[in-house]
C-alpha atoms as a PDB file:
ATOM      1  CA  MET A   1      -1.343  38.763 -19.930  1.00  0.00           C
ATOM      2  CA  ARG A   2      -4.695  37.494 -20.474  1.00  0.00           C
ATOM      3  CA  GLN A   3      -3.496  34.523 -23.095  1.00  0.00           C
ATOM      4  CA  ASN A   4      -0.859  33.401 -20.178  1.00  0.00           C
ATOM      5  CA  ASP A   5      -4.396  33.140 -18.032  1.00  0.00           C
ATOM      6  CA  ASP A   6      -5.958  31.366 -19.932  1.00  0.00           C
ATOM      7  CA  ALA A   7      -3.076  29.064 -20.893  1.00  0.00           C
ATOM      8  CA  LEU A   8      -2.464  28.260 -17.467  1.00  0.00           C
ATOM      9  CA  GLN A   9      -6.187  27.747 -16.636  1.00  0.00           C
ATOM     10  CA  ALA A  10      -6.305  25.060 -19.025  1.00  0.00           C
ATOM     11  CA  HIS A  11      -2.875  23.554 -17.694  1.00  0.00           C
ATOM     12  CA  LEU A  12      -3.865  23.269 -14.255  1.00  0.00           C
ATOM     13  CA  ALA A  13      -7.564  22.043 -15.996  1.00  0.00           C
ATOM     14  CA  ALA A  14      -5.643  19.288 -17.732  1.00  0.00           C
ATOM     15  CA  THR A  15      -3.543  18.344 -14.284  1.00  0.00           C
ATOM     16  CA  ALA A  16      -6.807  18.340 -12.440  1.00  0.00           C
ATOM     17  CA  ALA A  17      -8.643  16.050 -14.806  1.00  0.00           C
ATOM     18  CA  LYS A  18      -5.947  13.724 -14.932  1.00  0.00           C
ATOM     19  CA  VAL A  19      -7.574  11.674 -11.583  1.00  0.00           C
ATOM     20  CA  ASP A  20     -10.675   9.937 -12.450  1.00  0.00           C
ATOM     21  CA  ALA A  21     -13.942  11.249  -9.838  1.00  0.00           C
ATOM     22  CA  ASP A  22     -14.048   7.505  -8.793  1.00  0.00           C
ATOM     23  CA  ASP A  23     -11.795   6.509  -6.157  1.00  0.00           C
ATOM     24  CA  ARG A  24      -8.910   4.136  -7.224  1.00  0.00           C
ATOM     25  CA  VAL A  25      -8.832   0.752  -4.745  1.00  0.00           C
ATOM     26  CA  LEU A  26      -5.318  -0.535  -4.410  1.00  0.00           C
ATOM     27  CA  THR A  27      -6.069  -4.598  -2.745  1.00  0.00           C
ATOM     28  CA  VAL A  28      -3.857  -7.114  -2.227  1.00  0.00           C
ATOM     29  CA  ASN A  29      -5.038 -10.750  -2.788  1.00  0.00           C
ATOM     30  CA  LYS A  30      -3.246 -13.312   0.009  1.00  0.00           C
ATOM     31  CA  ARG A  31      -5.525 -16.312  -1.641  1.00  0.00           C
ATOM     32  CA  PRO A  32      -2.724 -17.198  -3.725  1.00  0.00           C
ATOM     33  CA  GLN A  33      -0.001 -17.146  -1.515  1.00  0.00           C
ATOM     34  CA  GLY A  34      -2.044 -19.364   0.703  1.00  0.00           C
ATOM     35  CA  TYR A  35      -2.599 -22.077  -1.950  1.00  0.00           C
ATOM     36  CA  VAL A  36       0.706 -22.599  -2.161  1.00  0.00           C
ATOM     37  CA  LEU A  37       1.119 -22.769   1.619  1.00  0.00           C
ATOM     38  CA  LEU A  38      -1.163 -25.073   2.414  1.00  0.00           C
ATOM     39  CA  VAL A  39      -0.344 -27.391  -0.542  1.00  0.00           C
ATOM     40  CA  SER A  40       3.231 -27.319   0.470  1.00  0.00           C
ATOM     41  CA  GLY A  41       2.264 -27.663   3.980  1.00  0.00           C
ATOM     42  CA  GLY A  42       0.088 -30.574   3.351  1.00  0.00           C
ATOM     43  CA  VAL A  43       3.075 -32.022   0.933  1.00  0.00           C
ATOM     44  CA  MET A  44       5.248 -31.790   4.150  1.00  0.00           C
ATOM     45  CA  ILE A  45       2.505 -33.787   6.300  1.00  0.00           C
ATOM     46  CA  GLY A  46       2.558 -36.329   3.710  1.00  0.00           C
ATOM     47  CA  VAL A  47       6.002 -37.212   3.645  1.00  0.00           C
ATOM     48  CA  SER A  48       6.144 -37.726   7.371  1.00  0.00           C
ATOM     49  CA  LEU A  49       2.997 -40.475   6.981  1.00  0.00           C
ATOM     50  CA  ILE A  50       5.385 -41.976   4.262  1.00  0.00           C
ATOM     51  CA  LEU A  51       8.558 -41.979   6.677  1.00  0.00           C
ATOM     52  CA  LEU A  52       6.261 -43.833   9.599  1.00  0.00           C
ATOM     53  CA  VAL A  53       5.320 -46.249   7.562  1.00  0.00           C
ATOM     54  CA  THR A  54       8.346 -47.145   5.413  1.00  0.00           C
ATOM     55  CA  ASP A  55      11.797 -48.142   5.898  1.00  0.00           C
ATOM     56  CA  VAL A  56      15.073 -45.997   4.716  1.00  0.00           C
ATOM     57  CA  PRO A  57      18.457 -47.659   4.987  1.00  0.00           C
ATOM     58  CA  GLY A  58      20.742 -46.424   7.163  1.00  0.00           C
ATOM     59  CA  LEU A  59      17.733 -44.450   9.981  1.00  0.00           C
ATOM     60  CA  GLY A  60      16.728 -46.373  12.669  1.00  0.00           C
ATOM     61  CA  ALA A  61      12.749 -46.298  14.189  1.00  0.00           C
ATOM     62  CA  GLY A  62      13.791 -43.087  16.734  1.00  0.00           C
ATOM     63  CA  GLU A  63      15.573 -41.487  14.160  1.00  0.00           C
ATOM     64  CA  LEU A  64      12.457 -41.911  11.506  1.00  0.00           C
ATOM     65  CA  ARG A  65      10.195 -40.538  13.813  1.00  0.00           C
ATOM     66  CA  LEU A  66      12.392 -37.499  14.710  1.00  0.00           C
ATOM     67  CA  VAL A  67      12.524 -36.643  10.860  1.00  0.00           C
ATOM     68  CA  ALA A  68       8.635 -37.522  10.957  1.00  0.00           C
ATOM     69  CA  ALA A  69       7.870 -35.580  13.655  1.00  0.00           C
ATOM     70  CA  THR A  70       9.853 -32.477  12.121  1.00  0.00           C
ATOM     71  CA  SER A  71       8.373 -33.063   8.739  1.00  0.00           C
ATOM     72  CA  ALA A  72       4.534 -32.833  10.198  1.00  0.00           C
ATOM     73  CA  THR A  73       5.341 -29.975  12.447  1.00  0.00           C
ATOM     74  CA  LEU A  74       6.784 -27.846   9.612  1.00  0.00           C
ATOM     75  CA  GLY A  75       4.111 -29.069   7.387  1.00  0.00           C
ATOM     76  CA  ALA A  76       1.502 -27.730   9.904  1.00  0.00           C
ATOM     77  CA  LEU A  77       3.439 -24.414  10.379  1.00  0.00           C
ATOM     78  CA  LEU A  78       3.108 -23.893   6.569  1.00  0.00           C
ATOM     79  CA  ALA A  79      -0.548 -24.938   6.112  1.00  0.00           C
ATOM     80  CA  GLY A  80      -1.508 -22.850   9.450  1.00  0.00           C
ATOM     81  CA  PHE A  81      -0.414 -19.820   7.370  1.00  0.00           C
ATOM     82  CA  GLY A  82      -1.782 -20.655   4.313  1.00  0.00           C
ATOM     83  CA  LEU A  83      -5.153 -20.872   5.902  1.00  0.00           C
ATOM     84  CA  PHE A  84      -4.328 -17.249   7.533  1.00  0.00           C
ATOM     85  CA  CYS A  85      -3.709 -15.930   4.030  1.00  0.00           C
ATOM     86  CA  LEU A  86      -7.212 -17.294   2.839  1.00  0.00           C
ATOM     87  CA  TRP A  87      -8.769 -15.834   5.816  1.00  0.00           C
ATOM     88  CA  GLN A  88      -7.204 -12.416   4.660  1.00  0.00           C
ATOM     89  CA  GLY A  89      -8.251 -13.147   1.329  1.00  0.00           C
ATOM     90  CA  GLU A  90      -8.449  -9.844  -0.779  1.00  0.00           C
ATOM     91  CA  ARG A  91      -7.653  -6.756   1.538  1.00  0.00           C
ATOM     92  CA  THR A  92      -7.442  -3.089   0.782  1.00  0.00           C
ATOM     93  CA  SER A  93      -4.258  -1.430   1.192  1.00  0.00           C
ATOM     94  CA  LEU A  94      -4.862   1.950   0.188  1.00  0.00           C
ATOM     95  CA  VAL A  95      -7.641   4.112  -1.887  1.00  0.00           C
ATOM     96  CA  PHE A  96      -6.549   6.861  -3.993  1.00  0.00           C
ATOM     97  CA  GLY A  97      -9.704   9.303  -3.843  1.00  0.00           C
ATOM     98  CA  ARG A  98     -10.032  13.040  -5.506  1.00  0.00           C
ATOM     99  CA  ASP A  99      -9.687  14.609  -2.479  1.00  0.00           C
ATOM    100  CA  ALA A 100      -7.497  12.314   0.562  1.00  0.00           C
ATOM    101  CA  LEU A 101      -5.735   9.468   0.467  1.00  0.00           C
ATOM    102  CA  THR A 102      -7.446   6.718   2.908  1.00  0.00           C
ATOM    103  CA  VAL A 103      -5.329   3.915   4.876  1.00  0.00           C
ATOM    104  CA  PRO A 104      -6.634   1.440   6.737  1.00  0.00           C
ATOM    105  CA  GLY A 105      -5.299   1.637   9.954  1.00  0.00           C
ATOM    106  CA  LEU A 106      -5.468   5.160  10.426  1.00  0.00           C
ATOM    107  CA  ASP A 107      -9.026   6.539  11.783  1.00  0.00           C
ATOM    108  CA  ARG A 108      -9.896   9.515   9.101  1.00  0.00           C
ATOM    109  CA  PRO A 109      -8.384  10.475   5.049  1.00  0.00           C
ATOM    110  CA  ILE A 110      -5.303  11.919   4.573  1.00  0.00           C
ATOM    111  CA  ALA A 111      -6.205  15.430   2.452  1.00  0.00           C
ATOM    112  CA  TRP A 112      -3.986  15.871  -0.520  1.00  0.00           C
ATOM    113  CA  ASP A 113      -3.909  19.325   0.297  1.00  0.00           C
ATOM    114  CA  ASP A 114      -2.688  18.292   4.223  1.00  0.00           C
ATOM    115  CA  ILE A 115       0.613  16.646   2.497  1.00  0.00           C
ATOM    116  CA  ALA A 116       3.720  19.167   2.449  1.00  0.00           C
ATOM    117  CA  ASP A 117       6.128  16.534   1.315  1.00  0.00           C
ATOM    118  CA  LEU A 118       6.432  12.768   0.606  1.00  0.00           C
ATOM    119  CA  ASP A 119       9.123  10.304   0.158  1.00  0.00           C
ATOM    120  CA  LEU A 120       9.216   6.741  -0.612  1.00  0.00           C
ATOM    121  CA  ALA A 121      11.674   4.180  -0.197  1.00  0.00           C
ATOM    122  CA  CYS A 122      11.165   0.044  -2.597  1.00  0.00           C
ATOM    123  CA  ASP A 123      12.145  -3.068  -1.305  1.00  0.00           C
ATOM    124  CA  TYR A 124      11.004  -5.317  -3.758  1.00  0.00           C
ATOM    125  CA  ASN A 125       7.204  -5.205  -3.644  1.00  0.00           C
ATOM    126  CA  ARG A 126       6.593  -3.083  -0.775  1.00  0.00           C
ATOM    127  CA  MET A 127       6.666   0.350  -0.452  1.00  0.00           C
ATOM    128  CA  THR A 128       7.408   2.639   2.401  1.00  0.00           C
ATOM    129  CA  THR A 129       5.654   5.553   2.048  1.00  0.00           C
ATOM    130  CA  ARG A 130       6.637   8.898   4.264  1.00  0.00           C
ATOM    131  CA  LEU A 131       4.177  11.936   4.422  1.00  0.00           C
ATOM    132  CA  LEU A 132       4.830  15.089   5.769  1.00  0.00           C
ATOM    133  CA  LEU A 133       1.694  16.563   6.955  1.00  0.00           C
ATOM    134  CA  ARG A 134       1.350  20.471   7.161  1.00  0.00           C
ATOM    135  CA  PRO A 135       1.392  22.350   9.999  1.00  0.00           C
ATOM    136  CA  GLY A 136      -2.089  22.898  11.652  1.00  0.00           C
ATOM    137  CA  SER A 137      -3.552  20.409   9.160  1.00  0.00           C
ATOM    138  CA  PRO A 138      -5.413  17.266  11.537  1.00  0.00           C
ATOM    139  CA  LEU A 139      -3.155  14.454  12.268  1.00  0.00           C
ATOM    140  CA  PRO A 140      -5.189  11.151  11.801  1.00  0.00           C
ATOM    141  CA  GLU A 141      -4.738   8.528  14.604  1.00  0.00           C
ATOM    142  CA  ARG A 142      -3.722   4.856  14.189  1.00  0.00           C
ATOM    143  CA  VAL A 143      -6.399   1.922  14.863  1.00  0.00           C
ATOM    144  CA  THR A 144      -5.937  -0.736  17.176  1.00  0.00           C
ATOM    145  CA  ARG A 145      -3.700  -3.480  15.866  1.00  0.00           C
ATOM    146  CA  ALA A 146      -2.785  -1.447  12.593  1.00  0.00           C
ATOM    147  CA  ARG A 147       0.317  -3.080  11.861  1.00  0.00           C
ATOM    148  CA  ASN A 148       0.948  -0.971   8.137  1.00  0.00           C
ATOM    149  CA  VAL A 149       1.168   2.640   9.416  1.00  0.00           C
ATOM    150  CA  LYS A 150       3.918   4.366  12.173  1.00  0.00           C
ATOM    151  CA  LEU A 151       2.802   7.856  13.546  1.00  0.00           C
ATOM    152  CA  ASP A 152       5.637  10.696  14.378  1.00  0.00           C
ATOM    153  CA  PRO A 153       3.222  13.108  16.527  1.00  0.00           C
ATOM    154  CA  LYS A 154       5.897  15.783  16.656  1.00  0.00           C
ATOM    155  CA  GLN A 155       7.838  15.545  13.545  1.00  0.00           C
ATOM    156  CA  ARG A 156       4.236  15.490  11.640  1.00  0.00           C
ATOM    157  CA  ILE A 157       5.091  12.282   9.917  1.00  0.00           C
ATOM    158  CA  VAL A 158       2.652   9.394   8.816  1.00  0.00           C
ATOM    159  CA  THR A 159       4.831   6.334   7.558  1.00  0.00           C
ATOM    160  CA  LEU A 160       2.776   3.426   5.346  1.00  0.00           C
ATOM    161  CA  LYS A 161       4.002   0.135   4.759  1.00  0.00           C
ATOM    162  CA  THR A 162       2.426  -0.956   1.436  1.00  0.00           C
ATOM    163  CA  ILE A 163       2.495  -3.993  -0.393  1.00  0.00           C
ATOM    164  CA  LEU A 164       2.072  -3.804  -4.419  1.00  0.00           C
ATOM    165  CA  PRO A 165      -1.145  -5.288  -5.861  1.00  0.00           C
ATOM    166  CA  GLY A 166      -0.283  -7.709  -8.844  1.00  0.00           C
ATOM    167  CA  LYS A 167       1.979  -6.627 -11.199  1.00  0.00           C
ATOM    168  CA  MET A 168       2.383  -2.777 -10.030  1.00  0.00           C
ATOM    169  CA  LYS A 169       5.572  -1.704 -10.745  1.00  0.00           C
ATOM    170  CA  PRO A 170       7.363   0.653  -7.408  1.00  0.00           C
ATOM    171  CA  GLN A 171       7.554   3.367 -10.565  1.00  0.00           C
ATOM    172  CA  GLU A 172       3.745   3.078 -11.294  1.00  0.00           C
ATOM    173  CA  PHE A 173       2.922   3.563  -7.894  1.00  0.00           C
ATOM    174  CA  ALA A 174       5.044   6.434  -7.173  1.00  0.00           C
ATOM    175  CA  ASP A 175       3.686   8.146 -10.648  1.00  0.00           C
ATOM    176  CA  LEU A 176       0.479   7.433  -9.151  1.00  0.00           C
ATOM    177  CA  LEU A 177       0.846   8.915  -5.906  1.00  0.00           C
ATOM    178  CA  GLY A 178       2.479  12.330  -7.743  1.00  0.00           C
ATOM    179  CA  ARG A 179      -0.761  12.331  -9.917  1.00  0.00           C
ATOM    180  CA  TYR A 180      -3.167  13.051  -7.026  1.00  0.00           C
ATOM    181  CA  GLN A 181      -1.039  15.237  -5.012  1.00  0.00           C
ATOM    182  CA  HIS A 182      -0.620  17.376  -8.461  1.00  0.00           C
ATOM    183  CA  ALA A 183      -4.351  17.531  -9.631  1.00  0.00           C
ATOM    184  CA  ALA A 184      -5.111  18.120  -6.001  1.00  0.00           C
ATOM    185  CA  GLU A 185      -2.240  21.012  -6.246  1.00  0.00           C
ATOM    186  CA  ALA A 186      -4.107  21.996  -9.403  1.00  0.00           C
ATOM    187  CA  ARG A 187      -7.332  22.554  -8.206  1.00  0.00           C
ATOM    188  CA  ARG A 188      -6.443  24.656  -5.742  1.00  0.00           C
ATOM    189  CA  ARG A 189      -4.370  26.606  -8.014  1.00  0.00           C
ATOM    190  CA  LEU A 190      -7.610  26.936 -10.074  1.00  0.00           C
ATOM    191  CA  ALA A 191      -9.995  28.062  -7.040  1.00  0.00           C
ATOM    192  CA  ALA A 192      -7.552  30.365  -6.135  1.00  0.00           C
ATOM    193  CA  LEU A 193      -6.724  32.200  -9.769  1.00  0.00           C
ATOM    194  CA  ASN A 194     -10.788  31.669 -10.630  1.00  0.00           C
ATOM    195  CA  ALA A 195     -11.383  33.717  -7.134  1.00  0.00           C
ATOM    196  CA  ALA A 196      -8.625  36.459  -8.015  1.00  0.00           C
ATOM    197  CA  PRO A 197      -8.059  36.928 -11.269  1.00  0.00           C
ATOM    198  CA  HIS A 198      -5.410  39.409 -11.338  1.00  0.00           C
ATOM    199  CA  VAL A 199      -2.850  36.256  -9.789  1.00  0.00           C
ATOM    200  CA  LEU A 200      -0.087  36.216 -12.171  1.00  0.00           C
ATOM    201  CA  ALA A 201       0.690  33.255 -14.178  1.00  0.00           C
ATOM    202  CA  GLY A 202       4.079  33.149 -12.691  1.00  0.00           C
ATOM    203  CA  ASP A 203       2.449  32.966  -9.560  1.00  0.00           C
ATOM    204  CA  ALA A 204       0.917  29.496  -9.816  1.00  0.00           C
ATOM    205  CA  LEU A 205       2.710  26.119  -9.181  1.00  0.00           C
ATOM    206  CA  MET A 206       3.805  24.219 -12.337  1.00  0.00           C
ATOM    207  CA  VAL A 207       2.642  20.922 -11.729  1.00  0.00           C
END
């Protein structure tokens, strides 16, 4: 029995050590998208100016003005979206902490021990994460104008919309979530085992 307990403690300690003490910050950089939109908008505005001073066979003056105005309008819209993306710059999407998950848009972090279950859905580089919180755990509130978070207080479900950063793949994101959740569970089991050394090895959750 002593050997089983030692093996269990070693397993739980190894699982808990899979996460760093420092926070893991996921960020999304909107600047590259902003530059692309800005350049595209500038090109369309340039085309509209060329149309105003150039004769195009088969098009009358009124038609040229209409095409130029349409091109300039679309260019201005693209440039406007580009400037908005540049203004957003690099923003934090999630912060994986040793004890809690911090979500911009919520008024407080979500402790890993408060998460009873979760599921993930992927649409290209956008992840939808649904967190089911344990009964009795504090329910966070959404801050003003937070569009990436949805709360269902009755079901105790927090839904997060996250854009994956850089070259991170959906499976890497899922593995990261699982690693932090399992590490928190391992620490909780270790604390219980140290507080009650007689706990049977089979009673611990294998993570």
